[in-house]
Amino acid sequence: MIKKTLYSMHADVCKALAHELRIEIIDILKDRELTFGAIAEKTAVAKSNLSQHLSVMVQKGILMHRKEGLHVYYKLSSIKVYQAFQIMREVLRERIRKENDLINKFK
């Protein structure tokens, strides 16, 4: 039962990351905390759209947020979120290299 719960939670987090803007947000916040406005500037998306994405990421435990005066600050909930992100990038780079190698064999 506990394993099934863990699988379900894992799937929820993966679903929450299954959007290019959310991946971009992780990259932006990899080593810092930023205000909503700063994230909006860097991503150049509509504030209402960004708000929805940040809300999902907070709800799923990917991000943390805090309010200070009129500003809301966001940061990764753990450095391990970015480390997992980096591992996935390495997998993708390996895949691209293998595909390029295959293409080059037939040139």
C-alpha atoms as a PDB file:
ATOM      1  CA  MET A   1       0.000   0.000   0.000  1.00  0.00           C
ATOM      2  CA  ILE A   2       2.772   2.456   0.919  1.00  0.00           C
ATOM      3  CA  LYS A   3       4.596   1.644  -2.343  1.00  0.00           C
ATOM      4  CA  LYS A   4       1.442   2.374  -4.352  1.00  0.00           C
ATOM      5  CA  THR A   5       1.080   5.724  -2.586  1.00  0.00           C
ATOM      6  CA  LEU A   6       4.682   6.561  -3.378  1.00  0.00           C
ATOM      7  CA  TYR A   7       4.162   5.598  -7.044  1.00  0.00           C
ATOM      8  CA  SER A   8       1.081   7.801  -7.169  1.00  0.00           C
ATOM      9  CA  MET A   9       2.918  10.766  -5.637  1.00  0.00           C
ATOM     10  CA  HIS A  10       5.824  10.237  -8.027  1.00  0.00           C
ATOM     11  CA  ALA A  11       3.448  10.219 -11.003  1.00  0.00           C
ATOM     12  CA  ASP A  12       1.793  13.427  -9.758  1.00  0.00           C
ATOM     13  CA  VAL A  13       5.136  15.217  -9.581  1.00  0.00           C
ATOM     14  CA  CYS A  14       6.091  13.968 -13.050  1.00  0.00           C
ATOM     15  CA  LYS A  15       2.744  15.178 -14.422  1.00  0.00           C
ATOM     16  CA  ALA A  16       3.352  18.563 -12.812  1.00  0.00           C
ATOM     17  CA  LEU A  17       6.696  18.774 -14.614  1.00  0.00           C
ATOM     18  CA  ALA A  18       5.264  17.764 -17.981  1.00  0.00           C
ATOM     19  CA  HIS A  19       5.130  21.295 -19.358  1.00  0.00           C
ATOM     20  CA  GLU A  20       7.912  23.284 -20.968  1.00  0.00           C
ATOM     21  CA  LEU A  21       7.175  26.428 -18.934  1.00  0.00           C
ATOM     22  CA  ARG A  22       7.462  24.512 -15.662  1.00  0.00           C
ATOM     23  CA  ILE A  23      10.793  23.082 -16.791  1.00  0.00           C
ATOM     24  CA  GLU A  24      11.920  26.601 -17.681  1.00  0.00           C
ATOM     25  CA  ILE A  25      10.877  27.792 -14.212  1.00  0.00           C
ATOM     26  CA  ILE A  26      13.021  25.098 -12.587  1.00  0.00           C
ATOM     27  CA  ASP A  27      15.959  26.219 -14.694  1.00  0.00           C
ATOM     28  CA  ILE A  28      15.387  29.857 -13.728  1.00  0.00           C
ATOM     29  CA  LEU A  29      15.103  29.061 -10.014  1.00  0.00           C
ATOM     30  CA  LYS A  30      17.942  26.519  -9.905  1.00  0.00           C
ATOM     31  CA  ASP A  31      20.108  28.530  -7.533  1.00  0.00           C
ATOM     32  CA  ARG A  32      18.006  31.439  -6.340  1.00  0.00           C
ATOM     33  CA  GLU A  33      14.737  32.775  -5.064  1.00  0.00           C
ATOM     34  CA  LEU A  34      12.819  35.188  -7.292  1.00  0.00           C
ATOM     35  CA  THR A  35       9.671  37.249  -7.095  1.00  0.00           C
ATOM     36  CA  PHE A  36       6.652  36.450  -9.216  1.00  0.00           C
ATOM     37  CA  GLY A  37       7.374  39.581 -11.255  1.00  0.00           C
ATOM     38  CA  ALA A  38      10.966  38.553 -11.963  1.00  0.00           C
ATOM     39  CA  ILE A  39       9.843  35.085 -13.084  1.00  0.00           C
ATOM     40  CA  ALA A  40       7.187  36.681 -15.294  1.00  0.00           C
ATOM     41  CA  GLU A  41       9.836  38.902 -16.894  1.00  0.00           C
ATOM     42  CA  LYS A  42      12.195  36.015 -17.558  1.00  0.00           C
ATOM     43  CA  THR A  43       9.540  33.709 -18.998  1.00  0.00           C
ATOM     44  CA  ALA A  44       7.609  36.392 -20.919  1.00  0.00           C
ATOM     45  CA  VAL A  45       4.253  34.663 -20.403  1.00  0.00           C
ATOM     46  CA  ALA A  46       0.937  36.117 -19.296  1.00  0.00           C
ATOM     47  CA  LYS A  47       0.812  36.608 -15.544  1.00  0.00           C
ATOM     48  CA  SER A  48      -2.442  34.644 -15.219  1.00  0.00           C
ATOM     49  CA  ASN A  49      -0.864  31.693 -17.038  1.00  0.00           C
ATOM     50  CA  LEU A  50       2.304  31.881 -14.931  1.00  0.00           C
ATOM     51  CA  SER A  51       0.267  32.055 -11.744  1.00  0.00           C
ATOM     52  CA  GLN A  52      -1.505  28.802 -12.587  1.00  0.00           C
ATOM     53  CA  HIS A  53       1.755  27.009 -13.313  1.00  0.00           C
ATOM     54  CA  LEU A  54       3.442  28.246 -10.134  1.00  0.00           C
ATOM     55  CA  SER A  55       0.399  27.231  -8.110  1.00  0.00           C
ATOM     56  CA  VAL A  56       0.558  23.662  -9.430  1.00  0.00           C
ATOM     57  CA  MET A  57       4.282  23.483  -8.725  1.00  0.00           C
ATOM     58  CA  VAL A  58       3.783  24.680  -5.146  1.00  0.00           C
ATOM     59  CA  GLN A  59       0.875  22.286  -4.622  1.00  0.00           C
ATOM     60  CA  LYS A  60       2.961  19.318  -5.826  1.00  0.00           C
ATOM     61  CA  GLY A  61       5.900  20.266  -3.585  1.00  0.00           C
ATOM     62  CA  ILE A  62       8.260  21.276  -6.386  1.00  0.00           C
ATOM     63  CA  LEU A  63       8.414  24.921  -5.302  1.00  0.00           C
ATOM     64  CA  MET A  64       8.055  26.821  -2.057  1.00  0.00           C
ATOM     65  CA  HIS A  65       6.763  30.345  -1.789  1.00  0.00           C
ATOM     66  CA  ARG A  66       6.698  33.091   0.782  1.00  0.00           C
ATOM     67  CA  LYS A  67       5.056  36.454   0.901  1.00  0.00           C
ATOM     68  CA  GLU A  68       6.942  39.588   1.884  1.00  0.00           C
ATOM     69  CA  GLY A  69       4.912  42.761   1.722  1.00  0.00           C
ATOM     70  CA  LEU A  70       3.411  42.977  -1.752  1.00  0.00           C
ATOM     71  CA  HIS A  71       5.821  40.441  -3.246  1.00  0.00           C
ATOM     72  CA  VAL A  72       5.622  36.665  -3.462  1.00  0.00           C
ATOM     73  CA  TYR A  73       8.961  34.887  -3.694  1.00  0.00           C
ATOM     74  CA  TYR A  74       9.442  31.424  -5.189  1.00  0.00           C
ATOM     75  CA  LYS A  75      12.275  28.925  -4.878  1.00  0.00           C
ATOM     76  CA  LEU A  76      12.846  25.225  -5.407  1.00  0.00           C
ATOM     77  CA  SER A  77      11.665  23.127  -2.479  1.00  0.00           C
ATOM     78  CA  SER A  78      14.951  21.197  -2.609  1.00  0.00           C
ATOM     79  CA  ILE A  79      18.180  21.299  -4.608  1.00  0.00           C
ATOM     80  CA  LYS A  80      17.363  17.684  -5.469  1.00  0.00           C
ATOM     81  CA  VAL A  81      14.608  18.946  -7.781  1.00  0.00           C
ATOM     82  CA  TYR A  82      17.266  20.630  -9.911  1.00  0.00           C
ATOM     83  CA  GLN A  83      19.586  17.624  -9.637  1.00  0.00           C
ATOM     84  CA  ALA A  84      16.814  15.370 -10.980  1.00  0.00           C
ATOM     85  CA  PHE A  85      16.250  17.924 -13.733  1.00  0.00           C
ATOM     86  CA  GLN A  86      19.952  17.752 -14.632  1.00  0.00           C
ATOM     87  CA  ILE A  87      19.934  13.952 -14.752  1.00  0.00           C
ATOM     88  CA  MET A  88      17.026  14.037 -17.191  1.00  0.00           C
ATOM     89  CA  ARG A  89      18.959  16.536 -19.316  1.00  0.00           C
ATOM     90  CA  GLU A  90      21.921  14.128 -19.389  1.00  0.00           C
ATOM     91  CA  VAL A  91      19.625  11.316 -20.549  1.00  0.00           C
ATOM     92  CA  LEU A  92      18.309  13.551 -23.329  1.00  0.00           C
ATOM     93  CA  ARG A  93      21.821  14.568 -24.401  1.00  0.00           C
ATOM     94  CA  GLU A  94      22.840  10.896 -24.569  1.00  0.00           C
ATOM     95  CA  ARG A  95      19.802  10.160 -26.716  1.00  0.00           C
ATOM     96  CA  ILE A  96      20.630  13.029 -29.081  1.00  0.00           C
ATOM     97  CA  ARG A  97      24.261  11.862 -29.360  1.00  0.00           C
ATOM     98  CA  LYS A  98      23.144   8.310 -30.172  1.00  0.00           C
ATOM     99  CA  GLU A  99      20.697   9.542 -32.789  1.00  0.00           C
ATOM    100  CA  ASN A 100      23.382  11.771 -34.315  1.00  0.00           C
ATOM    101  CA  ASP A 101      25.810   8.849 -34.382  1.00  0.00           C
ATOM    102  CA  LEU A 102      23.208   6.739 -36.174  1.00  0.00           C
ATOM    103  CA  ILE A 103      22.515   9.497 -38.705  1.00  0.00           C
ATOM    104  CA  ASN A 104      26.258   9.991 -39.310  1.00  0.00           C
ATOM    105  CA  LYS A 105      26.681   6.266 -40.079  1.00  0.00           C
ATOM    106  CA  PHE A 106      24.374   6.646 -43.052  1.00  0.00           C
ATOM    107  CA  LYS A 107      25.894   9.785 -44.565  1.00  0.00           C
END
